[in-house]
Protein backbone atom coordinates (compact mmCIF):
# COMPACT_ATOMS: atom_id res chain seq x y z
CA UNK A 1 0.00 0.00 0.00
CA UNK A 2 2.88 2.35 0.74
CA UNK A 3 4.28 2.16 -2.79
CA UNK A 4 0.85 2.93 -4.25
CA UNK A 5 0.38 5.89 -1.91
CA UNK A 6 3.78 7.31 -2.87
CA UNK A 7 2.77 7.53 -6.54
CA UNK A 8 -0.61 9.11 -5.83
CA UNK A 9 -3.05 6.21 -5.46
CA UNK A 10 -5.34 5.99 -2.42
CA UNK A 11 -5.53 2.29 -1.53
CA UNK A 12 -8.13 0.87 0.84
CA UNK A 13 -7.33 -2.44 2.50
CA UNK A 14 -9.96 -5.00 3.51
CA UNK A 15 -9.55 -7.92 5.86
CA UNK A 16 -12.04 -10.44 4.51
CA UNK A 17 -14.63 -11.25 1.85
CA UNK A 18 -17.51 -9.70 3.80
CA UNK A 19 -15.69 -6.39 4.10
CA UNK A 20 -14.74 -6.54 0.41
CA UNK A 21 -18.40 -7.02 -0.51
CA UNK A 22 -19.46 -4.06 1.66
CA UNK A 23 -16.77 -1.81 0.17
CA UNK A 24 -17.51 -2.78 -3.43
CA UNK A 25 -21.23 -2.19 -3.04
CA UNK A 26 -20.84 1.11 -1.16
CA UNK A 27 -18.62 3.00 -3.51
CA UNK A 28 -17.15 3.34 -6.94
CA UNK A 29 -13.81 1.57 -7.12
CA UNK A 30 -11.42 1.84 -10.03
CA UNK A 31 -9.38 -1.25 -9.22
CA UNK A 32 -9.36 -4.30 -6.98
CA UNK A 33 -6.02 -5.96 -6.22
CA UNK A 34 -6.77 -9.51 -5.14
CA UNK A 35 -5.21 -12.95 -4.84
CA UNK A 36 -5.96 -15.03 -7.93
CA UNK A 37 -7.69 -17.61 -5.72
CA UNK A 38 -10.21 -14.95 -4.61
CA UNK A 39 -10.59 -13.04 -7.87
CA UNK A 40 -13.82 -14.70 -9.04
CA UNK A 41 -15.58 -13.36 -5.95
CA UNK A 42 -15.00 -9.74 -7.01
CA UNK A 43 -17.70 -9.72 -9.72
CA UNK A 44 -20.19 -11.34 -7.36
CA UNK A 45 -19.30 -8.97 -4.54
CA UNK A 46 -19.68 -5.89 -6.72
CA UNK A 47 -23.30 -6.73 -7.50
CA UNK A 48 -24.78 -4.00 -9.67
CA UNK A 49 -22.00 -1.49 -8.94
CA UNK A 50 -19.72 -0.53 -11.84
CA UNK A 51 -17.12 -3.23 -12.45
CA UNK A 52 -13.66 -2.26 -11.26
CA UNK A 53 -10.45 -3.29 -12.97
CA UNK A 54 -9.24 -6.55 -11.45
CA UNK A 55 -5.52 -7.06 -10.86
CA UNK A 56 -4.76 -10.53 -9.60
CA UNK A 57 -1.64 -11.70 -7.81
CA UNK A 58 -0.75 -15.31 -8.54
CA UNK A 59 1.33 -17.47 -6.23
CA UNK A 60 2.76 -20.79 -7.47
CA UNK A 61 0.44 -20.86 -10.47
CA UNK A 62 0.95 -23.19 -13.43
CA UNK A 63 1.42 -21.89 -16.97
CA UNK A 64 -2.08 -22.89 -18.07
CA UNK A 65 -3.67 -21.27 -15.02
CA UNK A 66 -1.69 -18.08 -15.67
CA UNK A 67 -2.83 -18.05 -19.31
CA UNK A 68 -6.46 -18.44 -18.23
CA UNK A 69 -6.08 -15.69 -15.61
CA UNK A 70 -4.62 -13.33 -18.23
CA UNK A 71 -7.68 -13.95 -20.42
CA UNK A 72 -10.08 -13.42 -17.52
CA UNK A 73 -8.70 -10.40 -15.66
CA UNK A 74 -7.34 -6.98 -16.55
CA UNK A 75 -3.85 -7.79 -15.26
CA UNK A 76 -2.06 -10.66 -13.56
CA UNK A 77 1.26 -10.58 -11.79
CA UNK A 78 3.24 -13.34 -10.16
CA UNK A 79 3.89 -12.74 -6.47
CA UNK A 80 5.77 -9.47 -6.84
CA UNK A 81 9.18 -9.05 -5.32
CA UNK A 82 9.42 -5.33 -6.06
CA UNK A 83 6.91 -2.67 -5.10
CA UNK A 84 7.45 -1.03 -8.51
CA UNK A 85 6.07 -4.20 -10.14
CA UNK A 86 2.79 -3.68 -8.27
CA UNK A 87 2.60 -0.01 -9.26
CA UNK A 88 3.26 -0.87 -12.90
CA UNK A 89 0.60 -3.60 -12.82
CA UNK A 90 -1.95 -1.21 -11.27
CA UNK A 91 -1.24 1.32 -14.03
CA UNK A 92 -1.65 -1.40 -16.68
CA UNK A 93 -4.90 -2.70 -15.19
CA UNK A 94 -6.42 0.78 -15.02
CA UNK A 95 -5.43 1.39 -18.63
CA UNK A 96 -7.09 -1.92 -19.63
CA UNK A 97 -10.24 -0.89 -17.75
CA UNK A 98 -10.35 2.40 -19.62
CA UNK A 99 -10.33 0.49 -22.91
CA UNK A 100 -13.25 -1.77 -21.97
CA UNK A 101 -16.55 -1.61 -23.84
CA UNK A 102 -18.98 0.81 -22.18
CA UNK A 103 -20.95 -2.06 -20.65
CA UNK A 104 -18.25 -2.30 -17.97
CA UNK A 105 -17.42 -5.94 -18.59
CA UNK A 106 -14.28 -7.34 -20.06
CA UNK A 107 -14.56 -8.49 -23.64
CA UNK A 108 -14.29 -12.22 -24.16
CA UNK A 109 -12.14 -11.81 -27.28
C-alpha atoms as a PDB file:
ATOM      1  CA  UNK A   1       0.000   0.000   0.000  1.00  0.00           C
ATOM      2  CA  UNK A   2       2.877   2.355   0.742  1.00  0.00           C
ATOM      3  CA  UNK A   3       4.278   2.158  -2.792  1.00  0.00           C
ATOM      4  CA  UNK A   4       0.847   2.930  -4.249  1.00  0.00           C
ATOM      5  CA  UNK A   5       0.377   5.890  -1.913  1.00  0.00           C
ATOM      6  CA  UNK A   6       3.781   7.305  -2.869  1.00  0.00           C
ATOM      7  CA  UNK A   7       2.775   7.527  -6.536  1.00  0.00           C
ATOM      8  CA  UNK A   8      -0.615   9.108  -5.828  1.00  0.00           C
ATOM      9  CA  UNK A   9      -3.049   6.206  -5.461  1.00  0.00           C
ATOM     10  CA  UNK A  10      -5.338   5.992  -2.420  1.00  0.00           C
ATOM     11  CA  UNK A  11      -5.527   2.287  -1.526  1.00  0.00           C
ATOM     12  CA  UNK A  12      -8.127   0.870   0.836  1.00  0.00           C
ATOM     13  CA  UNK A  13      -7.331  -2.445   2.495  1.00  0.00           C
ATOM     14  CA  UNK A  14      -9.960  -4.998   3.507  1.00  0.00           C
ATOM     15  CA  UNK A  15      -9.545  -7.924   5.860  1.00  0.00           C
ATOM     16  CA  UNK A  16     -12.036 -10.442   4.509  1.00  0.00           C
ATOM     17  CA  UNK A  17     -14.628 -11.252   1.852  1.00  0.00           C
ATOM     18  CA  UNK A  18     -17.506  -9.700   3.803  1.00  0.00           C
ATOM     19  CA  UNK A  19     -15.690  -6.386   4.097  1.00  0.00           C
ATOM     20  CA  UNK A  20     -14.744  -6.536   0.411  1.00  0.00           C
ATOM     21  CA  UNK A  21     -18.400  -7.017  -0.511  1.00  0.00           C
ATOM     22  CA  UNK A  22     -19.455  -4.060   1.655  1.00  0.00           C
ATOM     23  CA  UNK A  23     -16.773  -1.813   0.172  1.00  0.00           C
ATOM     24  CA  UNK A  24     -17.509  -2.780  -3.433  1.00  0.00           C
ATOM     25  CA  UNK A  25     -21.233  -2.189  -3.035  1.00  0.00           C
ATOM     26  CA  UNK A  26     -20.844   1.114  -1.157  1.00  0.00           C
ATOM     27  CA  UNK A  27     -18.616   3.003  -3.507  1.00  0.00           C
ATOM     28  CA  UNK A  28     -17.146   3.339  -6.943  1.00  0.00           C
ATOM     29  CA  UNK A  29     -13.806   1.572  -7.123  1.00  0.00           C
ATOM     30  CA  UNK A  30     -11.415   1.841 -10.028  1.00  0.00           C
ATOM     31  CA  UNK A  31      -9.376  -1.254  -9.219  1.00  0.00           C
ATOM     32  CA  UNK A  32      -9.362  -4.302  -6.982  1.00  0.00           C
ATOM     33  CA  UNK A  33      -6.023  -5.958  -6.215  1.00  0.00           C
ATOM     34  CA  UNK A  34      -6.771  -9.514  -5.138  1.00  0.00           C
ATOM     35  CA  UNK A  35      -5.209 -12.949  -4.841  1.00  0.00           C
ATOM     36  CA  UNK A  36      -5.963 -15.034  -7.930  1.00  0.00           C
ATOM     37  CA  UNK A  37      -7.686 -17.613  -5.720  1.00  0.00           C
ATOM     38  CA  UNK A  38     -10.209 -14.955  -4.605  1.00  0.00           C
ATOM     39  CA  UNK A  39     -10.593 -13.041  -7.871  1.00  0.00           C
ATOM     40  CA  UNK A  40     -13.816 -14.698  -9.044  1.00  0.00           C
ATOM     41  CA  UNK A  41     -15.576 -13.360  -5.948  1.00  0.00           C
ATOM     42  CA  UNK A  42     -15.002  -9.740  -7.011  1.00  0.00           C
ATOM     43  CA  UNK A  43     -17.698  -9.719  -9.720  1.00  0.00           C
ATOM     44  CA  UNK A  44     -20.194 -11.338  -7.364  1.00  0.00           C
ATOM     45  CA  UNK A  45     -19.299  -8.970  -4.537  1.00  0.00           C
ATOM     46  CA  UNK A  46     -19.681  -5.889  -6.719  1.00  0.00           C
ATOM     47  CA  UNK A  47     -23.297  -6.733  -7.503  1.00  0.00           C
ATOM     48  CA  UNK A  48     -24.777  -3.995  -9.668  1.00  0.00           C
ATOM     49  CA  UNK A  49     -22.001  -1.487  -8.938  1.00  0.00           C
ATOM     50  CA  UNK A  50     -19.723  -0.531 -11.840  1.00  0.00           C
ATOM     51  CA  UNK A  51     -17.123  -3.234 -12.445  1.00  0.00           C
ATOM     52  CA  UNK A  52     -13.662  -2.258 -11.255  1.00  0.00           C
ATOM     53  CA  UNK A  53     -10.450  -3.291 -12.968  1.00  0.00           C
ATOM     54  CA  UNK A  54      -9.241  -6.547 -11.453  1.00  0.00           C
ATOM     55  CA  UNK A  55      -5.524  -7.055 -10.858  1.00  0.00           C
ATOM     56  CA  UNK A  56      -4.755 -10.526  -9.598  1.00  0.00           C
ATOM     57  CA  UNK A  57      -1.644 -11.703  -7.808  1.00  0.00           C
ATOM     58  CA  UNK A  58      -0.747 -15.315  -8.538  1.00  0.00           C
ATOM     59  CA  UNK A  59       1.327 -17.472  -6.228  1.00  0.00           C
ATOM     60  CA  UNK A  60       2.758 -20.792  -7.469  1.00  0.00           C
ATOM     61  CA  UNK A  61       0.437 -20.860 -10.472  1.00  0.00           C
ATOM     62  CA  UNK A  62       0.951 -23.188 -13.431  1.00  0.00           C
ATOM     63  CA  UNK A  63       1.424 -21.892 -16.972  1.00  0.00           C
ATOM     64  CA  UNK A  64      -2.075 -22.889 -18.075  1.00  0.00           C
ATOM     65  CA  UNK A  65      -3.673 -21.275 -15.022  1.00  0.00           C
ATOM     66  CA  UNK A  66      -1.688 -18.083 -15.672  1.00  0.00           C
ATOM     67  CA  UNK A  67      -2.829 -18.053 -19.311  1.00  0.00           C
ATOM     68  CA  UNK A  68      -6.463 -18.444 -18.228  1.00  0.00           C
ATOM     69  CA  UNK A  69      -6.078 -15.695 -15.611  1.00  0.00           C
ATOM     70  CA  UNK A  70      -4.618 -13.332 -18.228  1.00  0.00           C
ATOM     71  CA  UNK A  71      -7.676 -13.946 -20.420  1.00  0.00           C
ATOM     72  CA  UNK A  72     -10.082 -13.424 -17.516  1.00  0.00           C
ATOM     73  CA  UNK A  73      -8.695 -10.400 -15.659  1.00  0.00           C
ATOM     74  CA  UNK A  74      -7.336  -6.979 -16.553  1.00  0.00           C
ATOM     75  CA  UNK A  75      -3.848  -7.787 -15.264  1.00  0.00           C
ATOM     76  CA  UNK A  76      -2.059 -10.657 -13.560  1.00  0.00           C
ATOM     77  CA  UNK A  77       1.263 -10.583 -11.794  1.00  0.00           C
ATOM     78  CA  UNK A  78       3.236 -13.338 -10.157  1.00  0.00           C
ATOM     79  CA  UNK A  79       3.885 -12.743  -6.468  1.00  0.00           C
ATOM     80  CA  UNK A  80       5.770  -9.470  -6.844  1.00  0.00           C
ATOM     81  CA  UNK A  81       9.181  -9.054  -5.316  1.00  0.00           C
ATOM     82  CA  UNK A  82       9.415  -5.334  -6.061  1.00  0.00           C
ATOM     83  CA  UNK A  83       6.906  -2.667  -5.101  1.00  0.00           C
ATOM     84  CA  UNK A  84       7.445  -1.033  -8.511  1.00  0.00           C
ATOM     85  CA  UNK A  85       6.072  -4.199 -10.143  1.00  0.00           C
ATOM     86  CA  UNK A  86       2.793  -3.685  -8.270  1.00  0.00           C
ATOM     87  CA  UNK A  87       2.596  -0.005  -9.261  1.00  0.00           C
ATOM     88  CA  UNK A  88       3.264  -0.872 -12.901  1.00  0.00           C
ATOM     89  CA  UNK A  89       0.604  -3.602 -12.816  1.00  0.00           C
ATOM     90  CA  UNK A  90      -1.945  -1.206 -11.271  1.00  0.00           C
ATOM     91  CA  UNK A  91      -1.237   1.320 -14.029  1.00  0.00           C
ATOM     92  CA  UNK A  92      -1.648  -1.397 -16.684  1.00  0.00           C
ATOM     93  CA  UNK A  93      -4.900  -2.697 -15.187  1.00  0.00           C
ATOM     94  CA  UNK A  94      -6.424   0.785 -15.016  1.00  0.00           C
ATOM     95  CA  UNK A  95      -5.432   1.387 -18.627  1.00  0.00           C
ATOM     96  CA  UNK A  96      -7.086  -1.918 -19.626  1.00  0.00           C
ATOM     97  CA  UNK A  97     -10.244  -0.895 -17.746  1.00  0.00           C
ATOM     98  CA  UNK A  98     -10.349   2.402 -19.615  1.00  0.00           C
ATOM     99  CA  UNK A  99     -10.329   0.488 -22.907  1.00  0.00           C
ATOM    100  CA  UNK A 100     -13.246  -1.774 -21.967  1.00  0.00           C
ATOM    101  CA  UNK A 101     -16.546  -1.606 -23.836  1.00  0.00           C
ATOM    102  CA  UNK A 102     -18.980   0.806 -22.184  1.00  0.00           C
ATOM    103  CA  UNK A 103     -20.952  -2.062 -20.651  1.00  0.00           C
ATOM    104  CA  UNK A 104     -18.253  -2.304 -17.975  1.00  0.00           C
ATOM    105  CA  UNK A 105     -17.423  -5.939 -18.594  1.00  0.00           C
ATOM    106  CA  UNK A 106     -14.285  -7.339 -20.063  1.00  0.00           C
ATOM    107  CA  UNK A 107     -14.555  -8.491 -23.637  1.00  0.00           C
ATOM    108  CA  UNK A 108     -14.288 -12.217 -24.160  1.00  0.00           C
ATOM    109  CA  UNK A 109     -12.140 -11.808 -27.278  1.00  0.00           C
END
